[in-house]
Every structure is written in C-alpha cells, then in structure tokens.
Amino acid sequence: MRIEHYLEASAAQDGAKTAIVSGEVRLSYDHLLDLSRRLATTLHNHGAGRGERVLILLDNGWRTAVAVLATWMAGAAICPVNPSTKAERLAAIAGNCAPALVIVESRLERLVEDCQALAALPRLVVGEAGSFDSALEAAPFVPAEPFPDTDLAALIYTSGSTGEPKGVMHGHDTLDAAARAITRYLENSAFDIILVVLPMSFGYGLNQLVTAMLSGATLVIEKSFAFPQAVFETIRAERVTGFPLVPAMAAMMMQARDLDPSLFASLRYLTSAAAPLPLAHLDWLRTFLPHIRLFCMYGQTECTRATWLPPDKIDAKRGSVGIAIPGTKAVVVDETGEVVAPGTIGELVIEGPHVMRGYWRNEATTNRALRPAPDTGTLRLHTGDLFTADADGYLTFVSRMDDIIKSRGEKVAPQAVEEVLCRMPGIAEALVVGVPHDVLGEAVKAVIVASDPSLTEREVLRFCARHLEDHMVPKSVEFRDALPKTDSGKASRRLAALPANPTGSK
C-alpha cells in the first residue's frame, strides 16, 4: 500500500478527527488531506512528478508533514535533510539525489542559493517570509492512473565509514511493511496521540508520521528537545499516549530536577531506538513511570526497525533488544553467512519486506550490505553490528564492526571529522574516537598532534562548529606529541581511545 493512502483512508474514516498538532496549529484529517493534495498539484506543476525527488529542508512542524505527504501524492520521492546540515554535506546529498525541486525553511534559503546543485532549481519557501501557503493550488492533484506501491518513496541519507552520504532507498512497499509490523506490536490505534520530537528527516522521526497516518492517530509535532520541560508540558496538555525517545533524551529526563511524574500520566508506552538503551536508563524509566509499557528496539535506516523486546520480557531478557519484528527474520551469522550457535558473537543480518532496496547510485556499497543467504539465496541486510542471540532467539547488541560513533542517536563517521580537523591551520595529525558519555551515549573526542603549540581546545571546537553538523562536533580535544600507531605504522583509533601518557597531554 502506498503511504499517502494511509491519510486518505484515515480521512475517510473520521475526517474531523485531529491529525496534526503543531504549536498553535491543529489540522483535522480532512484539512491535512486537502493541504497535501493541493501542494501535490504545485509540486507536479513544477516538475516534481513520478520518478523525481523532492529535497525537503525543513524544521519539524505541520508543514513538514504536508510536504512529505504531498510529495508522495505527486508520485515523487522525498529526500528529507536535517536543517542543521552544513553546506558541504548538503552539496554532496544534492549532487547525489539530483532533486527536481526544493522545499526549504526561509532562514535556510541562503544555504540553498549557495549550493550549486540546488541554486537553479524550483523552490518553495516555508516560513513567515516564504511562499509555501500561497503556493497551494486551488485544485487537488489527481494522477492519470494510480501509482504503484513499488515506486521509490524515500531517499534517507546516512553516512558510512568513509563519511560520504549514502541515500537509503525505501519504496512505499518497504515503508508499508515496516509500519504495519511496528503498529502491530505497539498496538497503535486511532485512540493514540503520538509525540514526535525526533527530526522527521531521519527514519525514527519520519516513522512516527507514517504510523500515525496508518492508525488514524493524532501526531503531536515538537520542533526539538532543546527545552525538555516545554515538551513535557505538551505531553500533559495534549494527553500524549506514545512517546518515542532516544537514550540521550532519557538521560536528560534522569538529570532533570524535581521532574513531576504526573506530566506523563497519559502515556501508554515509551519506545527507545537509534541506540541501545543503557540499563540504568531503562531501570530509571520503569521506576519513574511504572504505569507505561517500555519498548526497547533496534533498527537502522536501512530497515527502519529490526527488533523489539516485549515489555513483559524486560526482566527475563535483561539487556536484550528483543526478537525480529513481525513478518521478518533477524539472525546472527559468521563471516561465511552461516548462523552461529547461541551466545556466539557474530554479525546481525536482517531479512524481510521492510529491508531497503539499496543505496542510491552506489552499487558497490549496496552489494556489500545486501548479500544472498548461503542456503536460500535471499538477499539479507548485513548490519555491520555485532550481536549475540540466546537459545530463544533474543538478540543482544555487543559492538560495532567499524569505527562509527553514535552520539545523540546519530551516527558520526570519524574520518569525516578528521578531514575537517586536518584542514585547520595548526593541526598536523588527528584521530577521532568515541568515548562513553552519560547523556550522549558516546561523545566525539578529537586526539590531535598540533603543529602550532599555541593552538587551544577552544579554537579547535570553534573551527569544527563552523564546518560540521552539531552532532559531529567534538566534545573534547586531547593534544598529544604523537598519534599511537599499530605495528604496521597506521594510526590506531583503538589505541587513541586509551588514556594518554600524561607527558603527552597539553
């Protein structure tokens, strides 16, 4: 089923029901459907039809939901990009996805104008000075014939170990398969009121819009988690029943002073994905909010969601991220692709209708990630993460197979940060490692050999802040006389993560 049909079906079921709450704006299902259809006409008239891509560079809000749904109605695929994205990454994404049109926040219009791959494209501007609302056509878009659900629905960009953006390709069919599995175990219904504070430019945030439309629920959209108390007040005021979070958000809740549990009295469930939820966070949440069902999950952009832990198994399967989501398979394999014995560490591989089509215009990387099972030949997603499985099939995350750092639930490629650091005058060599952090999960740390002895940590962090996305900026800098090397002479991140010789610090 195509995702925009979720909206149409829910509107037909109860068009007067509130679909979106975003600040002071409240949209019924009928109103959301009308806005989306009219914007779809605008997009189609500007060349964003079937087979094209629409780059969406918007803050979380009701207009983001309309832009996403309208793009699908026009037959195009969305390419959502985080508004905090810096110019270099935006240029790489734009050059790769080659969009037909850009929908941009008014405050970010200059960023688009300065991007060679985007500057000449049709543009719809959102915001007080923008033309988004006035650009809505009077007539809703109606395709000449129905679009198939095998069409490309989304390119969601992530970064691999090289730091190069990779466009994860999802069809309407793969997003549909994931959404139906997730709503099944969460038991979502039209009675739910789901909060999304996570960026809808990423899979976890976008999925909240998709599942809300599927179940006919109300979606409450918050711009960010920058002001947690305001978010908590919204939960109480809107009587939110579903609260998706990441470990960093749970840590902030734990550290909040005099946090009133009555703010969360309406909650039916919490979900945690993006990174394994630390046991301390899990235990605190269960004690602080004993009435809610807590779903610990694991997923990747490449498959939306892979595992879920039934809340009644939290104690029996402590530390596990659960079993495969309904209708899919998740197993741990060795280097030959064969399933390993219970308790043995191996790579997690995922099989099912929710797995991505591949990476956009990146056949080599696609072939590394999607490989045939040795027994059936069915393509499986190799996650690149190390897991164990117990005798009942419950999976536990162990470690990453590469050097990717997860900070605030987002992936950081060390080489991408190192490239920026090495461009800074005064730095001779640099390595980037992840170190444990109570709030972030992992914090990005730069280990530097300076060619300028007067260089300071503050200067390095300022330089990084100008050239990197916020979650990629190091939280600390350590100066050393030399980088640790392996026997082969290569700089070693593993050794750099170990405490330095005190005489090598600055």
Protein backbone atom coordinates (compact mmCIF):
# COMPACT_ATOMS: atom_id res chain seq x y z
CA MET A 1 0.00 0.00 0.00
CA ARG A 2 1.28 3.49 -0.81
CA ILE A 3 1.85 5.64 2.27
CA GLU A 4 -0.32 8.58 1.16
CA HIS A 5 -3.27 6.16 1.03
CA TYR A 6 -2.96 5.90 4.82
CA LEU A 7 -4.01 9.55 5.04
CA GLU A 8 -6.85 9.08 2.58
CA ALA A 9 -8.18 6.04 4.45
CA SER A 10 -7.97 7.75 7.85
CA ALA A 11 -9.70 10.86 6.50
CA ALA A 12 -12.48 8.70 5.09
CA GLN A 13 -12.84 7.00 8.47
CA ASP A 14 -13.05 10.23 10.51
CA GLY A 15 -12.20 13.40 8.62
CA ALA A 16 -12.99 15.68 11.55
CA LYS A 17 -10.52 13.97 13.88
CA THR A 18 -7.35 15.93 14.71
CA ALA A 19 -4.48 14.57 12.64
CA ILE A 20 -1.69 17.04 13.46
CA VAL A 21 -0.95 19.30 16.42
CA SER A 22 1.99 21.65 15.84
CA GLY A 23 2.27 24.59 18.20
CA GLU A 24 -0.92 26.61 17.80
CA VAL A 25 -1.87 24.81 14.58
CA ARG A 26 -4.35 21.94 14.66
CA LEU A 27 -5.19 20.13 11.42
CA SER A 28 -8.04 17.68 11.01
CA TYR A 29 -7.59 14.70 8.73
CA ASP A 30 -9.79 16.40 6.14
CA HIS A 31 -7.74 19.60 6.31
CA LEU A 32 -4.44 17.75 6.15
CA LEU A 33 -5.67 15.80 3.14
CA ASP A 34 -6.79 18.97 1.36
CA LEU A 35 -3.50 20.79 2.01
CA SER A 36 -1.45 17.80 0.88
CA ARG A 37 -3.45 17.32 -2.31
CA ARG A 38 -3.22 20.99 -3.24
CA LEU A 39 0.52 21.12 -2.59
CA ALA A 40 0.87 17.95 -4.68
CA THR A 41 -0.60 19.92 -7.59
CA THR A 42 2.02 22.62 -7.08
CA LEU A 43 4.82 20.08 -6.97
CA HIS A 44 3.57 18.31 -10.07
CA ASN A 45 3.27 21.62 -11.94
CA HIS A 46 6.90 22.37 -11.07
CA GLY A 47 8.17 19.09 -12.47
CA ALA A 48 8.25 17.02 -9.28
CA GLY A 49 6.29 14.06 -10.58
CA ARG A 50 6.70 10.32 -10.65
CA GLY A 51 10.33 9.22 -10.65
CA GLU A 52 11.62 12.57 -9.36
CA ARG A 53 12.99 13.53 -5.95
CA VAL A 54 11.99 16.45 -3.73
CA LEU A 55 14.60 17.68 -1.26
CA ILE A 56 12.91 18.77 1.98
CA LEU A 57 14.97 21.04 4.24
CA LEU A 58 12.51 21.92 6.99
CA ASP A 59 12.26 22.15 10.76
CA ASN A 60 9.85 19.75 12.45
CA GLY A 61 6.33 21.10 12.08
CA TRP A 62 2.99 20.69 10.34
CA ARG A 63 4.38 21.99 7.05
CA THR A 64 6.93 19.17 7.07
CA ALA A 65 4.12 16.62 7.32
CA VAL A 66 2.25 18.29 4.46
CA ALA A 67 5.40 18.48 2.32
CA VAL A 68 6.13 14.77 2.81
CA LEU A 69 2.58 13.62 2.10
CA ALA A 70 2.21 15.95 -0.89
CA THR A 71 5.43 14.67 -2.42
CA TRP A 72 4.11 11.13 -2.27
CA MET A 73 0.77 12.19 -3.72
CA ALA A 74 2.59 13.80 -6.65
CA GLY A 75 4.34 10.49 -7.27
CA ALA A 76 7.80 11.72 -6.29
CA ALA A 77 10.19 10.51 -3.58
CA ILE A 78 11.15 12.55 -0.54
CA CYS A 79 14.75 13.37 0.32
CA PRO A 80 14.48 14.82 3.84
CA VAL A 81 17.56 16.64 5.10
CA ASN A 82 18.24 17.81 8.66
CA PRO A 83 18.05 21.64 8.85
CA SER A 84 21.33 21.69 10.79
CA THR A 85 23.16 20.18 7.81
CA LYS A 86 26.24 22.13 6.77
CA ALA A 87 26.92 23.32 3.24
CA GLU A 88 29.38 20.58 2.28
CA ARG A 89 27.09 17.72 3.23
CA LEU A 90 24.09 19.40 1.63
CA ALA A 91 26.05 19.77 -1.60
CA ALA A 92 27.02 16.10 -1.52
CA ILE A 93 23.43 14.99 -0.93
CA ALA A 94 22.03 17.32 -3.59
CA GLY A 95 24.62 16.21 -6.12
CA ASN A 96 23.80 12.58 -5.45
CA CYS A 97 19.99 12.67 -5.39
CA ALA A 98 19.56 15.33 -8.14
CA PRO A 99 16.19 16.64 -6.93
CA ALA A 100 13.62 18.27 -9.18
CA LEU A 101 12.52 20.75 -6.52
CA VAL A 102 13.48 22.03 -3.07
CA ILE A 103 11.20 22.84 -0.14
CA VAL A 104 13.22 24.95 2.27
CA GLU A 105 12.88 26.86 5.52
CA SER A 106 13.05 30.62 4.85
CA ARG A 107 16.00 31.03 7.21
CA LEU A 108 17.93 28.45 5.18
CA GLU A 109 17.23 29.89 1.74
CA ARG A 110 20.72 31.37 1.51
CA LEU A 111 22.19 27.91 2.15
CA VAL A 112 20.26 26.61 -0.85
CA GLU A 113 21.22 29.60 -3.00
CA ASP A 114 24.90 28.95 -2.27
CA CYS A 115 24.59 25.26 -3.21
CA GLN A 116 25.47 24.86 -6.87
CA ALA A 117 23.39 21.69 -7.25
CA LEU A 118 20.27 23.42 -5.88
CA ALA A 119 20.53 27.11 -6.76
CA ALA A 120 18.81 26.89 -10.17
CA LEU A 121 16.02 24.51 -9.10
CA PRO A 122 12.38 25.46 -8.45
CA ARG A 123 12.00 26.31 -4.78
CA LEU A 124 9.14 26.54 -2.30
CA VAL A 125 10.00 28.58 0.77
CA VAL A 126 8.46 27.88 4.17
CA GLY A 127 8.21 30.45 6.91
CA GLU A 128 6.99 33.98 7.60
CA ALA A 129 8.72 35.35 4.53
CA GLY A 130 8.01 32.26 2.46
CA SER A 131 5.59 31.32 -0.29
CA PHE A 132 4.58 27.85 0.90
CA ASP A 133 0.99 28.68 1.84
CA SER A 134 0.33 30.99 -1.09
CA ALA A 135 1.78 28.38 -3.47
CA LEU A 136 -1.01 25.91 -2.73
CA GLU A 137 -3.09 25.28 -5.82
CA ALA A 138 -6.87 25.51 -5.65
CA ALA A 139 -7.41 22.08 -7.22
CA PRO A 140 -6.17 18.82 -5.67
CA PHE A 141 -3.81 16.69 -7.73
CA VAL A 142 -5.31 13.56 -9.25
CA PRO A 143 -2.92 11.24 -11.14
CA ALA A 144 -3.99 9.95 -14.54
CA GLU A 145 -3.63 6.43 -13.20
CA PRO A 146 -2.80 5.05 -9.74
CA PHE A 147 0.86 4.98 -8.79
CA PRO A 148 2.19 1.52 -7.80
CA ASP A 149 3.42 0.82 -4.28
CA THR A 150 6.71 -0.41 -5.71
CA ASP A 151 7.69 3.19 -6.53
CA LEU A 152 10.58 4.79 -4.67
CA ALA A 153 9.18 6.63 -1.63
CA ALA A 154 12.23 8.00 0.16
CA LEU A 155 15.95 8.60 -0.01
CA ILE A 156 17.13 8.96 3.57
CA TYR A 157 20.78 9.87 3.76
CA THR A 158 23.16 8.37 6.25
CA SER A 159 26.94 8.27 6.41
CA GLY A 160 29.13 5.22 6.16
CA SER A 161 32.62 4.67 7.47
CA THR A 162 34.01 6.99 4.79
CA GLY A 163 31.72 9.81 5.82
CA GLU A 164 30.21 10.01 2.32
CA PRO A 165 26.42 10.44 2.37
CA LYS A 166 24.56 7.31 1.30
CA GLY A 167 20.96 7.53 0.12
CA VAL A 168 19.00 4.64 1.59
CA MET A 169 16.26 3.71 -0.89
CA HIS A 170 12.88 2.78 0.52
CA GLY A 171 9.83 2.04 -1.56
CA HIS A 172 6.26 2.56 -0.44
CA ASP A 173 6.14 -1.21 -0.05
CA THR A 174 9.14 -1.39 2.32
CA LEU A 175 7.89 1.54 4.43
CA ASP A 176 4.44 -0.05 4.49
CA ALA A 177 5.83 -3.39 5.67
CA ALA A 178 7.77 -1.73 8.49
CA ALA A 179 4.87 0.47 9.60
CA ARG A 180 2.42 -2.42 9.75
CA ALA A 181 4.83 -4.53 11.81
CA ILE A 182 5.54 -1.68 14.24
CA THR A 183 1.92 -0.67 14.75
CA ARG A 184 1.08 -4.31 15.33
CA TYR A 185 3.34 -4.80 18.35
CA LEU A 186 2.75 -1.27 19.68
CA GLU A 187 -0.98 -1.88 19.30
CA ASN A 188 -1.46 1.57 17.79
CA SER A 189 -5.00 2.74 17.11
CA ALA A 190 -6.99 5.89 16.38
CA PHE A 191 -7.12 6.48 20.13
CA ASP A 192 -3.36 7.11 20.27
CA ILE A 193 -1.79 10.55 20.45
CA ILE A 194 1.84 10.18 19.37
CA LEU A 195 4.57 12.71 20.09
CA VAL A 196 7.38 13.28 17.61
CA VAL A 197 10.25 15.40 18.87
CA LEU A 198 12.81 13.48 16.83
CA PRO A 199 13.77 15.02 13.46
CA MET A 200 11.47 13.80 10.71
CA SER A 201 14.50 13.98 8.42
CA PHE A 202 15.64 10.68 9.99
CA GLY A 203 13.95 7.30 9.86
CA TYR A 204 12.86 7.10 13.52
CA GLY A 205 11.16 10.50 13.38
CA LEU A 206 9.65 10.01 9.93
CA ASN A 207 8.21 6.68 11.03
CA GLN A 208 6.06 8.44 13.65
CA LEU A 209 4.27 10.34 10.87
CA VAL A 210 3.82 7.16 8.84
CA THR A 211 2.47 5.06 11.72
CA ALA A 212 0.17 7.87 12.91
CA MET A 213 -1.40 8.14 9.45
CA LEU A 214 -1.74 4.35 9.23
CA SER A 215 -3.52 4.01 12.56
CA GLY A 216 -5.58 7.20 12.30
CA ALA A 217 -3.88 8.58 15.41
CA THR A 218 -3.08 12.18 16.29
CA LEU A 219 0.53 13.27 15.78
CA VAL A 220 1.86 15.99 18.08
CA ILE A 221 4.93 17.57 16.45
CA GLU A 222 7.57 19.35 18.52
CA LYS A 223 10.44 21.17 16.84
CA SER A 224 13.14 19.66 19.05
CA PHE A 225 14.03 18.51 22.56
CA ALA A 226 16.02 21.68 23.26
CA PHE A 227 13.56 22.67 26.00
CA PRO A 228 12.54 19.40 27.67
CA GLN A 229 10.19 20.94 30.24
CA ALA A 230 8.14 22.53 27.46
CA VAL A 231 7.91 19.14 25.74
CA PHE A 232 6.78 17.53 28.98
CA GLU A 233 4.07 20.18 29.40
CA THR A 234 2.90 19.41 25.87
CA ILE A 235 2.66 15.72 26.77
CA ARG A 236 0.36 16.61 29.65
CA ALA A 237 -1.68 19.21 27.79
CA GLU A 238 -2.28 17.03 24.71
CA ARG A 239 -2.67 13.81 26.71
CA VAL A 240 0.03 12.08 24.66
CA THR A 241 -0.10 8.27 24.75
CA GLY A 242 3.07 7.39 22.79
CA PHE A 243 6.49 8.94 23.40
CA PRO A 244 9.39 7.77 21.15
CA LEU A 245 12.77 8.73 22.56
CA VAL A 246 16.49 8.03 22.25
CA PRO A 247 18.87 7.28 25.14
CA ALA A 248 20.12 10.87 25.28
CA MET A 249 16.60 12.08 25.96
CA ALA A 250 16.16 9.51 28.70
CA ALA A 251 19.41 10.72 30.27
CA MET A 252 18.17 14.31 30.25
CA MET A 253 14.99 13.20 31.99
CA MET A 254 17.06 11.42 34.62
CA GLN A 255 19.09 14.56 35.29
CA ALA A 256 16.11 16.92 35.47
CA ARG A 257 15.44 18.34 38.90
CA ASP A 258 12.07 17.76 40.56
CA LEU A 259 10.57 16.16 37.46
CA ASP A 260 6.87 15.61 38.09
CA PRO A 261 5.70 12.13 37.04
CA SER A 262 2.13 13.43 36.70
CA LEU A 263 3.24 15.16 33.49
CA PHE A 264 3.36 11.70 31.92
CA ALA A 265 0.15 10.26 33.36
CA SER A 266 -1.48 9.93 29.92
CA LEU A 267 1.35 7.86 28.43
CA ARG A 268 0.56 4.31 27.36
CA TYR A 269 4.01 3.48 26.02
CA LEU A 270 7.57 4.66 25.51
CA THR A 271 9.81 3.45 22.69
CA SER A 272 13.58 3.61 22.50
CA ALA A 273 15.54 3.03 19.32
CA ALA A 274 18.53 4.51 17.40
CA ALA A 275 20.95 3.15 20.05
CA PRO A 276 20.66 0.51 22.79
CA LEU A 277 19.09 1.97 25.91
CA PRO A 278 21.53 1.72 28.83
CA LEU A 279 20.24 -0.46 31.61
CA ALA A 280 20.50 2.38 34.12
CA HIS A 281 18.21 4.48 31.94
CA LEU A 282 15.81 1.59 31.46
CA ASP A 283 15.62 0.89 35.19
CA TRP A 284 15.06 4.57 36.00
CA LEU A 285 12.27 4.93 33.43
CA ARG A 286 10.48 1.84 34.75
CA THR A 287 10.71 3.13 38.32
CA PHE A 288 9.74 6.71 37.47
CA LEU A 289 6.86 5.71 35.17
CA PRO A 290 5.70 2.28 36.36
CA HIS A 291 2.38 2.53 34.53
CA ILE A 292 3.82 2.68 31.00
CA ARG A 293 4.90 -0.10 28.63
CA LEU A 294 8.52 0.35 27.61
CA PHE A 295 9.58 -0.98 24.21
CA CYS A 296 13.33 -1.36 23.68
CA MET A 297 14.10 -1.68 19.99
CA TYR A 298 16.93 -1.80 17.49
CA GLY A 299 16.90 -0.59 13.92
CA GLN A 300 18.80 1.01 11.11
CA THR A 301 17.79 3.43 8.39
CA GLU A 302 18.31 0.51 6.01
CA CYS A 303 15.40 -1.47 7.50
CA THR A 304 13.55 1.13 9.64
CA ARG A 305 13.24 -1.31 12.54
CA ALA A 306 14.73 -4.74 13.10
CA THR A 307 13.91 -5.93 16.62
CA TRP A 308 11.59 -5.27 19.55
CA LEU A 309 11.61 -6.51 23.12
CA PRO A 310 8.15 -7.31 24.53
CA PRO A 311 7.77 -5.25 27.72
CA ASP A 312 6.93 -8.35 29.75
CA LYS A 313 10.31 -9.84 28.80
CA ILE A 314 12.47 -6.97 30.08
CA ASP A 315 13.47 -8.75 33.28
CA ALA A 316 13.83 -12.22 31.80
CA LYS A 317 15.86 -10.94 28.84
CA ARG A 318 17.70 -8.13 30.56
CA GLY A 319 19.92 -6.15 28.21
CA SER A 320 18.37 -7.65 25.07
CA VAL A 321 16.89 -5.61 22.22
CA GLY A 322 14.46 -8.44 21.58
CA ILE A 323 13.37 -10.51 18.63
CA ALA A 324 12.71 -9.78 14.97
CA ILE A 325 9.72 -7.54 14.28
CA PRO A 326 6.64 -9.37 12.92
CA GLY A 327 7.00 -10.78 9.43
CA THR A 328 10.81 -10.59 9.36
CA LYS A 329 13.91 -12.54 10.34
CA ALA A 330 16.94 -11.43 12.36
CA VAL A 331 19.83 -13.85 12.91
CA VAL A 332 23.48 -13.69 13.94
CA VAL A 333 25.93 -15.08 11.38
CA ASP A 334 29.62 -15.74 10.96
CA GLU A 335 31.88 -14.48 8.18
CA THR A 336 30.51 -17.11 5.77
CA GLY A 337 26.92 -16.07 6.42
CA GLU A 338 26.05 -19.18 8.43
CA VAL A 339 24.01 -18.81 11.62
CA VAL A 340 26.18 -19.09 14.73
CA ALA A 341 25.44 -21.03 17.89
CA PRO A 342 23.55 -19.31 20.74
CA GLY A 343 25.82 -16.99 22.73
CA THR A 344 28.36 -16.67 19.92
CA ILE A 345 29.23 -13.19 18.71
CA GLY A 346 28.59 -12.53 15.04
CA GLU A 347 27.07 -10.02 12.65
CA LEU A 348 23.36 -9.32 12.75
CA VAL A 349 21.62 -9.83 9.40
CA ILE A 350 18.03 -8.87 8.63
CA GLU A 351 15.63 -10.39 6.12
CA GLY A 352 12.13 -9.22 5.26
CA PRO A 353 9.90 -6.99 3.13
CA HIS A 354 11.00 -3.91 5.11
CA VAL A 355 14.64 -4.05 4.01
CA MET A 356 15.85 -1.21 1.78
CA ARG A 357 16.23 -1.50 -1.99
CA GLY A 358 19.85 -0.46 -1.70
CA TYR A 359 21.87 2.76 -1.74
CA TRP A 360 21.02 5.32 -4.41
CA ARG A 361 23.55 5.27 -7.23
CA ASN A 362 26.01 3.25 -5.14
CA GLU A 363 26.09 -0.32 -6.43
CA ALA A 364 29.33 -1.33 -4.74
CA THR A 365 28.15 -0.34 -1.26
CA THR A 366 24.75 -1.87 -1.92
CA ASN A 367 26.36 -5.20 -2.81
CA ARG A 368 28.32 -5.18 0.44
CA ALA A 369 25.21 -4.51 2.52
CA LEU A 370 22.72 -6.74 0.68
CA ARG A 371 24.07 -10.25 0.24
CA PRO A 372 22.38 -13.58 -0.52
CA ALA A 373 21.83 -16.10 2.24
CA PRO A 374 24.00 -19.19 1.63
CA ASP A 375 21.08 -21.62 1.88
CA THR A 376 18.24 -19.80 0.08
CA GLY A 377 19.92 -17.05 -1.93
CA THR A 378 17.51 -14.49 -0.46
CA LEU A 379 19.06 -11.06 -0.09
CA ARG A 380 19.72 -10.09 3.51
CA LEU A 381 20.83 -6.85 5.09
CA HIS A 382 24.23 -7.13 6.77
CA THR A 383 24.02 -4.54 9.53
CA GLY A 384 27.73 -4.26 10.31
CA ASP A 385 26.89 -4.63 14.02
CA LEU A 386 27.98 -7.42 16.34
CA PHE A 387 25.32 -9.27 18.33
CA THR A 388 24.66 -12.45 20.22
CA ALA A 389 21.45 -14.46 20.23
CA ASP A 390 20.28 -16.70 23.04
CA ALA A 391 18.57 -20.09 22.63
CA ASP A 392 15.18 -18.35 22.34
CA GLY A 393 16.36 -16.03 19.59
CA TYR A 394 16.56 -12.90 21.75
CA LEU A 395 19.28 -10.60 20.48
CA THR A 396 21.81 -8.54 22.41
CA PHE A 397 23.93 -5.79 20.92
CA VAL A 398 27.67 -6.15 21.50
CA SER A 399 29.58 -3.62 19.45
CA ARG A 400 30.01 -2.06 16.04
CA MET A 401 32.15 -3.74 13.48
CA ASP A 402 33.61 -0.44 12.34
CA ASP A 403 34.56 2.81 13.98
CA ILE A 404 31.24 4.62 13.67
CA ILE A 405 30.40 6.71 16.73
CA LYS A 406 26.75 7.10 17.82
CA SER A 407 26.16 10.38 19.58
CA ARG A 408 22.63 11.55 20.49
CA GLY A 409 21.31 8.65 18.49
CA GLU A 410 23.04 9.84 15.31
CA LYS A 411 25.98 8.30 13.51
CA VAL A 412 29.31 10.10 13.27
CA ALA A 413 31.95 8.95 10.81
CA PRO A 414 35.37 9.65 12.40
CA GLN A 415 37.06 10.16 9.05
CA ALA A 416 34.64 12.95 8.14
CA VAL A 417 35.55 14.82 11.33
CA GLU A 418 39.26 14.10 10.85
CA GLU A 419 39.15 15.56 7.37
CA VAL A 420 37.84 18.85 8.75
CA LEU A 421 40.35 18.85 11.61
CA CYS A 422 43.25 18.31 9.23
CA ARG A 423 42.15 21.34 7.23
CA MET A 424 42.65 23.57 10.24
CA PRO A 425 45.92 25.53 10.35
CA GLY A 426 47.99 24.42 13.32
CA ILE A 427 46.98 20.74 13.23
CA ALA A 428 49.42 18.18 11.94
CA GLU A 429 47.53 14.95 12.60
CA ALA A 430 44.19 14.00 14.06
CA LEU A 431 42.20 10.97 15.12
CA VAL A 432 38.59 10.92 16.30
CA VAL A 433 37.23 8.36 18.75
CA GLY A 434 34.04 7.79 20.70
CA VAL A 435 34.13 7.86 24.49
CA PRO A 436 31.32 6.92 26.91
CA HIS A 437 29.04 9.79 27.91
CA ASP A 438 26.10 9.72 30.35
CA VAL A 439 23.85 11.93 28.22
CA LEU A 440 25.04 11.42 24.63
CA GLY A 441 25.73 7.70 24.82
CA GLU A 442 29.05 8.37 23.15
CA ALA A 443 30.84 11.69 22.89
CA VAL A 444 33.07 12.59 19.99
CA LYS A 445 36.65 13.15 21.11
CA ALA A 446 39.47 14.55 18.97
CA VAL A 447 43.05 13.40 19.56
CA ILE A 448 45.38 15.91 17.95
CA VAL A 449 49.05 16.44 17.17
CA ALA A 450 49.48 20.20 16.87
CA SER A 451 51.97 21.90 14.64
CA ASP A 452 51.22 25.19 16.39
CA PRO A 453 51.98 24.90 20.12
CA SER A 454 49.70 27.84 20.90
CA LEU A 455 46.61 26.09 19.49
CA THR A 456 43.85 25.73 22.09
CA GLU A 457 40.93 23.36 22.54
CA ARG A 458 38.51 26.28 22.25
CA GLU A 459 39.89 27.25 18.83
CA VAL A 460 39.60 23.68 17.58
CA LEU A 461 35.99 23.36 18.73
CA ARG A 462 35.04 26.69 17.16
CA PHE A 463 36.56 25.61 13.84
CA CYS A 464 34.65 22.32 13.94
CA ALA A 465 31.39 24.08 14.78
CA ARG A 466 31.74 26.17 11.63
CA HIS A 467 32.30 23.18 9.37
CA LEU A 468 30.45 20.23 10.90
CA GLU A 469 26.91 19.32 11.83
CA ASP A 470 26.24 19.82 15.54
CA HIS A 471 26.30 16.14 16.48
CA MET A 472 29.68 15.70 14.74
CA VAL A 473 31.47 18.48 16.65
CA PRO A 474 33.92 17.01 19.21
CA LYS A 475 33.02 17.49 22.85
CA SER A 476 36.65 17.41 23.91
CA VAL A 477 40.14 17.70 22.47
CA GLU A 478 43.26 15.94 23.68
CA PHE A 479 46.67 17.11 22.47
CA ARG A 480 49.46 14.55 22.11
CA ASP A 481 53.06 14.60 20.92
CA ALA A 482 52.33 11.75 18.50
CA LEU A 483 49.43 9.57 17.50
CA PRO A 484 49.56 5.93 18.59
CA LYS A 485 50.41 3.58 15.76
CA THR A 486 49.88 -0.09 15.03
CA ASP A 487 52.76 -2.39 14.16
CA SER A 488 52.13 -1.66 10.51
CA GLY A 489 52.55 2.05 11.12
CA LYS A 490 48.89 3.02 10.80
CA ALA A 491 47.32 5.43 13.28
CA SER A 492 45.14 3.42 15.65
CA ARG A 493 41.80 4.67 16.91
CA ARG A 494 41.64 1.80 19.38
CA LEU A 495 44.91 2.89 20.98
CA ALA A 496 43.94 6.56 20.76
CA ALA A 497 40.88 5.80 22.87
CA LEU A 498 43.12 4.61 25.71
CA PRO A 499 44.39 7.10 28.31
CA ALA A 500 47.34 9.08 27.02
CA ASN A 501 50.74 9.32 28.59
CA PRO A 502 50.42 12.34 30.90
CA THR A 503 53.56 13.87 29.40
CA GLY A 504 51.83 13.91 26.01
CA SER A 505 48.88 16.00 27.17
CA LYS A 506 48.57 19.72 26.94
